[in-house]
Amino acid sequence: MDAALQAQLTYAALGCSVVALFFSVIAAFPGLKGVIAAVRDGILWFALLVVLGGVGFLLWQRLHLHDKAPVAKAAQAPV
């Protein structure tokens, strides 16, 4: 993953966290508490999905690149 994509994922997770904090503050109003809590929870789950997806992609990418390295070296070895 390049630095630009990692920065975008970080900004997306940070934005979701800020929106969730905003809804947490607004949830103090009793009439809208249930609706706003549901929206807040959805945003938090989405932020968690973005973060875990980014981490999973980084791990997959490292494992994928790590698996290809020995094959490339073996193909270049003289016979």
PDB file of N, CA and C in Angstrom:
ATOM      1  N   MET A   1       0.862  -1.166   0.000  1.00  0.00           N
ATOM      2  CA  MET A   1       0.000   0.000   0.000  1.00  0.00           C
ATOM      3  C   MET A   1       0.905   1.224   0.000  1.00  0.00           C
ATOM      4  N   ASP A   2       0.604   2.166  -0.863  1.00  0.00           N
ATOM      5  CA  ASP A   2       1.428   3.355  -0.913  1.00  0.00           C
ATOM      6  C   ASP A   2       1.001   4.355   0.155  1.00  0.00           C
ATOM      7  N   ALA A   3       1.813   5.374   0.334  1.00  0.00           N
ATOM      8  CA  ALA A   3       1.581   6.347   1.405  1.00  0.00           C
ATOM      9  C   ALA A   3       0.285   7.129   1.193  1.00  0.00           C
ATOM     10  N   ALA A   4      -0.065   7.417  -0.046  1.00  0.00           N
ATOM     11  CA  ALA A   4      -1.281   8.192  -0.309  1.00  0.00           C
ATOM     12  C   ALA A   4      -2.527   7.413   0.107  1.00  0.00           C
ATOM     13  N   LEU A   5      -2.557   6.115  -0.222  1.00  0.00           N
ATOM     14  CA  LEU A   5      -3.716   5.306   0.155  1.00  0.00           C
ATOM     15  C   LEU A   5      -3.791   5.140   1.671  1.00  0.00           C
ATOM     16  N   GLN A   6      -2.654   4.970   2.309  1.00  0.00           N
ATOM     17  CA  GLN A   6      -2.640   4.839   3.762  1.00  0.00           C
ATOM     18  C   GLN A   6      -3.128   6.131   4.412  1.00  0.00           C
ATOM     19  N   ALA A   7      -2.728   7.270   3.872  1.00  0.00           N
ATOM     20  CA  ALA A   7      -3.196   8.555   4.405  1.00  0.00           C
ATOM     21  C   ALA A   7      -4.700   8.703   4.206  1.00  0.00           C
ATOM     22  N   GLN A   8      -5.226   8.271   3.065  1.00  0.00           N
ATOM     23  CA  GLN A   8      -6.668   8.360   2.819  1.00  0.00           C
ATOM     24  C   GLN A   8      -7.441   7.483   3.804  1.00  0.00           C
ATOM     25  N   LEU A   9      -6.950   6.276   4.054  1.00  0.00           N
ATOM     26  CA  LEU A   9      -7.613   5.399   5.023  1.00  0.00           C
ATOM     27  C   LEU A   9      -7.566   6.000   6.426  1.00  0.00           C
ATOM     28  N   THR A  10      -6.450   6.613   6.763  1.00  0.00           N
ATOM     29  CA  THR A  10      -6.328   7.255   8.073  1.00  0.00           C
ATOM     30  C   THR A  10      -7.301   8.415   8.195  1.00  0.00           C
ATOM     31  N   TYR A  11      -7.390   9.234   7.149  1.00  0.00           N
ATOM     32  CA  TYR A  11      -8.330  10.358   7.178  1.00  0.00           C
ATOM     33  C   TYR A  11      -9.774   9.875   7.245  1.00  0.00           C
ATOM     34  N   ALA A  12     -10.088   8.802   6.549  1.00  0.00           N
ATOM     35  CA  ALA A  12     -11.451   8.263   6.584  1.00  0.00           C
ATOM     36  C   ALA A  12     -11.798   7.763   7.986  1.00  0.00           C
ATOM     37  N   ALA A  13     -10.879   7.042   8.610  1.00  0.00           N
ATOM     38  CA  ALA A  13     -11.125   6.545   9.967  1.00  0.00           C
ATOM     39  C   ALA A  13     -11.236   7.701  10.958  1.00  0.00           C
ATOM     40  N   LEU A  14     -10.380   8.711  10.811  1.00  0.00           N
ATOM     41  CA  LEU A  14     -10.444   9.872  11.696  1.00  0.00           C
ATOM     42  C   LEU A  14     -11.753  10.628  11.499  1.00  0.00           C
ATOM     43  N   GLY A  15     -12.164  10.797  10.259  1.00  0.00           N
ATOM     44  CA  GLY A  15     -13.431  11.480   9.988  1.00  0.00           C
ATOM     45  C   GLY A  15     -14.616  10.745  10.580  1.00  0.00           C
ATOM     46  N   CYS A  16     -14.613   9.420  10.452  1.00  0.00           N
ATOM     47  CA  CYS A  16     -15.697   8.629  11.039  1.00  0.00           C
ATOM     48  C   CYS A  16     -15.704   8.752  12.559  1.00  0.00           C
ATOM     49  N   SER A  17     -14.546   8.793  13.163  1.00  0.00           N
ATOM     50  CA  SER A  17     -14.467   8.928  14.612  1.00  0.00           C
ATOM     51  C   SER A  17     -14.977  10.288  15.067  1.00  0.00           C
ATOM     52  N   VAL A  18     -14.649  11.338  14.322  1.00  0.00           N
ATOM     53  CA  VAL A  18     -15.125  12.675  14.670  1.00  0.00           C
ATOM     54  C   VAL A  18     -16.644  12.761  14.530  1.00  0.00           C
ATOM     55  N   VAL A  19     -17.172  12.182  13.465  1.00  0.00           N
ATOM     56  CA  VAL A  19     -18.629  12.181  13.279  1.00  0.00           C
ATOM     57  C   VAL A  19     -19.299  11.392  14.403  1.00  0.00           C
ATOM     58  N   ALA A  20     -18.709  10.267  14.795  1.00  0.00           N
ATOM     59  CA  ALA A  20     -19.270   9.477  15.889  1.00  0.00           C
ATOM     60  C   ALA A  20     -19.241  10.269  17.196  1.00  0.00           C
ATOM     61  N   LEU A  21     -18.174  11.016  17.440  1.00  0.00           N
ATOM     62  CA  LEU A  21     -18.098  11.853  18.637  1.00  0.00           C
ATOM     63  C   LEU A  21     -19.172  12.930  18.595  1.00  0.00           C
ATOM     64  N   PHE A  22     -19.389  13.522  17.431  1.00  0.00           N
ATOM     65  CA  PHE A  22     -20.431  14.541  17.277  1.00  0.00           C
ATOM     66  C   PHE A  22     -21.801  13.969  17.612  1.00  0.00           C
ATOM     67  N   PHE A  23     -22.088  12.762  17.082  1.00  0.00           N
ATOM     68  CA  PHE A  23     -23.371  12.146  17.383  1.00  0.00           C
ATOM     69  C   PHE A  23     -23.477  11.737  18.842  1.00  0.00           C
ATOM     70  N   SER A  24     -22.377  11.412  19.480  1.00  0.00           N
ATOM     71  CA  SER A  24     -22.401  11.081  20.897  1.00  0.00           C
ATOM     72  C   SER A  24     -22.787  12.300  21.724  1.00  0.00           C
ATOM     73  N   VAL A  25     -22.278  13.453  21.344  1.00  0.00           N
ATOM     74  CA  VAL A  25     -22.614  14.689  22.053  1.00  0.00           C
ATOM     75  C   VAL A  25     -24.094  15.030  21.835  1.00  0.00           C
ATOM     76  N   ILE A  26     -24.553  14.896  20.607  1.00  0.00           N
ATOM     77  CA  ILE A  26     -25.957  15.210  20.304  1.00  0.00           C
ATOM     78  C   ILE A  26     -26.903  14.204  20.951  1.00  0.00           C
ATOM     79  N   ALA A  27     -26.432  12.981  21.197  1.00  0.00           N
ATOM     80  CA  ALA A  27     -27.294  11.944  21.765  1.00  0.00           C
ATOM     81  C   ALA A  27     -27.777  12.294  23.170  1.00  0.00           C
ATOM     82  N   ALA A  28     -27.256  13.353  23.747  1.00  0.00           N
ATOM     83  CA  ALA A  28     -27.710  13.777  25.069  1.00  0.00           C
ATOM     84  C   ALA A  28     -29.161  14.257  25.035  1.00  0.00           C
ATOM     85  N   PHE A  29     -29.678  14.626  23.853  1.00  0.00           N
ATOM     86  CA  PHE A  29     -31.070  15.035  23.749  1.00  0.00           C
ATOM     87  C   PHE A  29     -31.948  13.792  23.799  1.00  0.00           C
ATOM     88  N   PRO A  30     -32.871  13.716  24.761  1.00  0.00           N
ATOM     89  CA  PRO A  30     -33.629  12.477  24.977  1.00  0.00           C
ATOM     90  C   PRO A  30     -34.532  12.058  23.826  1.00  0.00           C
ATOM     91  N   GLY A  31     -35.091  12.984  23.080  1.00  0.00           N
ATOM     92  CA  GLY A  31     -36.027  12.625  22.027  1.00  0.00           C
ATOM     93  C   GLY A  31     -35.378  11.903  20.848  1.00  0.00           C
ATOM     94  N   LEU A  32     -34.146  12.211  20.565  1.00  0.00           N
ATOM     95  CA  LEU A  32     -33.457  11.638  19.412  1.00  0.00           C
ATOM     96  C   LEU A  32     -32.423  10.581  19.807  1.00  0.00           C
ATOM     97  N   LYS A  33     -32.434  10.215  21.061  1.00  0.00           N
ATOM     98  CA  LYS A  33     -31.371   9.351  21.569  1.00  0.00           C
ATOM     99  C   LYS A  33     -31.261   8.023  20.817  1.00  0.00           C
ATOM    100  N   GLY A  34     -32.368   7.347  20.570  1.00  0.00           N
ATOM    101  CA  GLY A  34     -32.318   6.048  19.899  1.00  0.00           C
ATOM    102  C   GLY A  34     -31.833   6.126  18.470  1.00  0.00           C
ATOM    103  N   VAL A  35     -32.347   7.113  17.731  1.00  0.00           N
ATOM    104  CA  VAL A  35     -31.970   7.255  16.324  1.00  0.00           C
ATOM    105  C   VAL A  35     -30.503   7.648  16.186  1.00  0.00           C
ATOM    106  N   ILE A  36     -30.096   8.611  16.969  1.00  0.00           N
ATOM    107  CA  ILE A  36     -28.720   9.086  16.869  1.00  0.00           C
ATOM    108  C   ILE A  36     -27.743   8.025  17.364  1.00  0.00           C
ATOM    109  N   ALA A  37     -28.112   7.253  18.369  1.00  0.00           N
ATOM    110  CA  ALA A  37     -27.241   6.174  18.846  1.00  0.00           C
ATOM    111  C   ALA A  37     -27.059   5.116  17.759  1.00  0.00           C
ATOM    112  N   ALA A  38     -28.122   4.827  17.021  1.00  0.00           N
ATOM    113  CA  ALA A  38     -28.013   3.845  15.939  1.00  0.00           C
ATOM    114  C   ALA A  38     -27.106   4.358  14.816  1.00  0.00           C
ATOM    115  N   VAL A  39     -27.242   5.633  14.463  1.00  0.00           N
ATOM    116  CA  VAL A  39     -26.377   6.221  13.438  1.00  0.00           C
ATOM    117  C   VAL A  39     -24.926   6.221  13.912  1.00  0.00           C
ATOM    118  N   ARG A  40     -24.713   6.602  15.177  1.00  0.00           N
ATOM    119  CA  ARG A  40     -23.362   6.620  15.739  1.00  0.00           C
ATOM    120  C   ARG A  40     -22.734   5.234  15.708  1.00  0.00           C
ATOM    121  N   ASP A  41     -23.493   4.227  16.101  1.00  0.00           N
ATOM    122  CA  ASP A  41     -22.965   2.859  16.094  1.00  0.00           C
ATOM    123  C   ASP A  41     -22.638   2.391  14.682  1.00  0.00           C
ATOM    124  N   GLY A  42     -23.468   2.760  13.719  1.00  0.00           N
ATOM    125  CA  GLY A  42     -23.177   2.409  12.334  1.00  0.00           C
ATOM    126  C   GLY A  42     -21.895   3.054  11.842  1.00  0.00           C
ATOM    127  N   ILE A  43     -21.682   4.302  12.205  1.00  0.00           N
ATOM    128  CA  ILE A  43     -20.461   5.001  11.808  1.00  0.00           C
ATOM    129  C   ILE A  43     -19.241   4.358  12.468  1.00  0.00           C
ATOM    130  N   LEU A  44     -19.358   4.004  13.731  1.00  0.00           N
ATOM    131  CA  LEU A  44     -18.236   3.363  14.419  1.00  0.00           C
ATOM    132  C   LEU A  44     -17.908   2.002  13.809  1.00  0.00           C
ATOM    133  N   TRP A  45     -18.931   1.235  13.453  1.00  0.00           N
ATOM    134  CA  TRP A  45     -18.674  -0.057  12.812  1.00  0.00           C
ATOM    135  C   TRP A  45     -18.008   0.131  11.454  1.00  0.00           C
ATOM    136  N   PHE A  46     -18.433   1.154  10.725  1.00  0.00           N
ATOM    137  CA  PHE A  46     -17.802   1.435   9.433  1.00  0.00           C
ATOM    138  C   PHE A  46     -16.338   1.830   9.618  1.00  0.00           C
ATOM    139  N   ALA A  47     -16.055   2.669  10.620  1.00  0.00           N
ATOM    140  CA  ALA A  47     -14.668   3.061  10.888  1.00  0.00           C
ATOM    141  C   ALA A  47     -13.832   1.843  11.262  1.00  0.00           C
ATOM    142  N   LEU A  48     -14.405   0.956  12.056  1.00  0.00           N
ATOM    143  CA  LEU A  48     -13.690  -0.263  12.429  1.00  0.00           C
ATOM    144  C   LEU A  48     -13.423  -1.127  11.203  1.00  0.00           C
ATOM    145  N   LEU A  49     -14.409  -1.216  10.321  1.00  0.00           N
ATOM    146  CA  LEU A  49     -14.241  -1.981   9.087  1.00  0.00           C
ATOM    147  C   LEU A  49     -13.142  -1.383   8.211  1.00  0.00           C
ATOM    148  N   VAL A  50     -13.087  -0.062   8.115  1.00  0.00           N
ATOM    149  CA  VAL A  50     -12.056   0.605   7.320  1.00  0.00           C
ATOM    150  C   VAL A  50     -10.675   0.333   7.903  1.00  0.00           C
ATOM    151  N   VAL A  51     -10.546   0.454   9.220  1.00  0.00           N
ATOM    152  CA  VAL A  51      -9.243   0.240   9.868  1.00  0.00           C
ATOM    153  C   VAL A  51      -8.812  -1.211   9.728  1.00  0.00           C
ATOM    154  N   LEU A  52      -9.704  -2.151  10.040  1.00  0.00           N
ATOM    155  CA  LEU A  52      -9.344  -3.562   9.946  1.00  0.00           C
ATOM    156  C   LEU A  52      -9.107  -3.986   8.501  1.00  0.00           C
ATOM    157  N   GLY A  53      -9.860  -3.415   7.574  1.00  0.00           N
ATOM    158  CA  GLY A  53      -9.625  -3.710   6.165  1.00  0.00           C
ATOM    159  C   GLY A  53      -8.264  -3.222   5.704  1.00  0.00           C
ATOM    160  N   GLY A  54      -7.869  -2.036   6.154  1.00  0.00           N
ATOM    161  CA  GLY A  54      -6.549  -1.509   5.813  1.00  0.00           C
ATOM    162  C   GLY A  54      -5.429  -2.352   6.396  1.00  0.00           C
ATOM    163  N   VAL A  55      -5.595  -2.771   7.648  1.00  0.00           N
ATOM    164  CA  VAL A  55      -4.585  -3.626   8.290  1.00  0.00           C
ATOM    165  C   VAL A  55      -4.528  -4.983   7.593  1.00  0.00           C
ATOM    166  N   GLY A  56      -5.682  -5.540   7.286  1.00  0.00           N
ATOM    167  CA  GLY A  56      -5.715  -6.823   6.588  1.00  0.00           C
ATOM    168  C   GLY A  56      -5.067  -6.741   5.216  1.00  0.00           C
ATOM    169  N   PHE A  57      -5.303  -5.635   4.509  1.00  0.00           N
ATOM    170  CA  PHE A  57      -4.687  -5.466   3.202  1.00  0.00           C
ATOM    171  C   PHE A  57      -3.174  -5.342   3.311  1.00  0.00           C
ATOM    172  N   LEU A  58      -2.709  -4.608   4.324  1.00  0.00           N
ATOM    173  CA  LEU A  58      -1.269  -4.490   4.524  1.00  0.00           C
ATOM    174  C   LEU A  58      -0.644  -5.854   4.807  1.00  0.00           C
ATOM    175  N   LEU A  59      -1.287  -6.643   5.659  1.00  0.00           N
ATOM    176  CA  LEU A  59      -0.765  -7.977   5.959  1.00  0.00           C
ATOM    177  C   LEU A  59      -0.772  -8.863   4.716  1.00  0.00           C
ATOM    178  N   TRP A  60      -1.883  -8.823   3.973  1.00  0.00           N
ATOM    179  CA  TRP A  60      -1.961  -9.628   2.754  1.00  0.00           C
ATOM    180  C   TRP A  60      -0.875  -9.219   1.772  1.00  0.00           C
ATOM    181  N   GLN A  61      -0.665  -7.911   1.630  1.00  0.00           N
ATOM    182  CA  GLN A  61       0.330  -7.423   0.693  1.00  0.00           C
ATOM    183  C   GLN A  61       1.736  -7.854   1.109  1.00  0.00           C
ATOM    184  N   ARG A  62       2.040  -7.769   2.390  1.00  0.00           N
ATOM    185  CA  ARG A  62       3.367  -8.188   2.855  1.00  0.00           C
ATOM    186  C   ARG A  62       3.566  -9.688   2.672  1.00  0.00           C
ATOM    187  N   LEU A  63       2.542 -10.473   2.979  1.00  0.00           N
ATOM    188  CA  LEU A  63       2.664 -11.916   2.799  1.00  0.00           C
ATOM    189  C   LEU A  63       2.775 -12.274   1.320  1.00  0.00           C
ATOM    190  N   HIS A  64       2.020 -11.591   0.498  1.00  0.00           N
ATOM    191  CA  HIS A  64       2.048 -11.852  -0.943  1.00  0.00           C
ATOM    192  C   HIS A  64       3.418 -11.506  -1.534  1.00  0.00           C
ATOM    193  N   LEU A  65       3.969 -10.383  -1.144  1.00  0.00           N
ATOM    194  CA  LEU A  65       5.280  -9.983  -1.646  1.00  0.00           C
ATOM    195  C   LEU A  65       6.378 -10.880  -1.069  1.00  0.00           C
ATOM    196  N   HIS A  66       6.190 -11.312   0.166  1.00  0.00           N
ATOM    197  CA  HIS A  66       7.170 -12.190   0.803  1.00  0.00           C
ATOM    198  C   HIS A  66       7.203 -13.555   0.120  1.00  0.00           C
ATOM    199  N   ASP A  67       6.057 -14.052  -0.306  1.00  0.00           N
ATOM    200  CA  ASP A  67       5.989 -15.348  -0.984  1.00  0.00           C
ATOM    201  C   ASP A  67       6.606 -15.301  -2.374  1.00  0.00           C
ATOM    202  N   LYS A  68       6.530 -14.165  -3.046  1.00  0.00           N
ATOM    203  CA  LYS A  68       7.055 -14.054  -4.407  1.00  0.00           C
ATOM    204  C   LYS A  68       8.573 -13.908  -4.438  1.00  0.00           C
ATOM    205  N   ALA A  69       9.179 -13.404  -3.387  1.00  0.00           N
ATOM    206  CA  ALA A  69      10.622 -13.126  -3.392  1.00  0.00           C
ATOM    207  C   ALA A  69      11.457 -14.386  -3.640  1.00  0.00           C
ATOM    208  N   PRO A  70      11.233 -15.517  -2.950  1.00  0.00           N
ATOM    209  CA  PRO A  70      12.070 -16.706  -3.216  1.00  0.00           C
ATOM    210  C   PRO A  70      11.897 -17.245  -4.634  1.00  0.00           C
ATOM    211  N   VAL A  71      10.701 -17.149  -5.199  1.00  0.00           N
ATOM    212  CA  VAL A  71      10.463 -17.647  -6.552  1.00  0.00           C
ATOM    213  C   VAL A  71      11.261 -16.810  -7.552  1.00  0.00           C
ATOM    214  N   ALA A  72      11.267 -15.502  -7.367  1.00  0.00           N
ATOM    215  CA  ALA A  72      11.994 -14.628  -8.271  1.00  0.00           C
ATOM    216  C   ALA A  72      13.494 -14.892  -8.197  1.00  0.00           C
ATOM    217  N   LYS A  73      14.002 -15.121  -6.982  1.00  0.00           N
ATOM    218  CA  LYS A  73      15.433 -15.405  -6.820  1.00  0.00           C
ATOM    219  C   LYS A  73      15.784 -16.754  -7.449  1.00  0.00           C
ATOM    220  N   ALA A  74      14.917 -17.744  -7.307  1.00  0.00           N
ATOM    221  CA  ALA A  74      15.184 -19.067  -7.867  1.00  0.00           C
ATOM    222  C   ALA A  74      15.146 -19.013  -9.397  1.00  0.00           C
ATOM    223  N   ALA A  75      14.299 -18.184  -9.962  1.00  0.00           N
ATOM    224  CA  ALA A  75      14.209 -18.076 -11.411  1.00  0.00           C
ATOM    225  C   ALA A  75      15.430 -17.402 -12.003  1.00  0.00           C
ATOM    226  N   GLN A  76      16.087 -16.543 -11.237  1.00  0.00           N
ATOM    227  CA  GLN A  76      17.267 -15.836 -11.730  1.00  0.00           C
ATOM    228  C   GLN A  76      18.553 -16.642 -11.522  1.00  0.00           C
ATOM    229  N   ALA A  77      18.516 -17.691 -10.726  1.00  0.00           N
ATOM    230  CA  ALA A  77      19.722 -18.462 -10.437  1.00  0.00           C
ATOM    231  C   ALA A  77      20.187 -19.180 -11.695  1.00  0.00           C
ATOM    232  N   PRO A  78      21.489 -19.192 -11.919  1.00  0.00           N
ATOM    233  CA  PRO A  78      21.999 -19.891 -13.108  1.00  0.00           C
ATOM    234  C   PRO A  78      21.833 -21.398 -12.951  1.00  0.00           C
ATOM    235  N   VAL A  79      21.589 -22.070 -14.054  1.00  0.00           N
ATOM    236  CA  VAL A  79      21.378 -23.525 -14.027  1.00  0.00           C
ATOM    237  C   VAL A  79      22.645 -24.249 -14.363  1.00  0.00           C
TER     238      VAL A  79
END
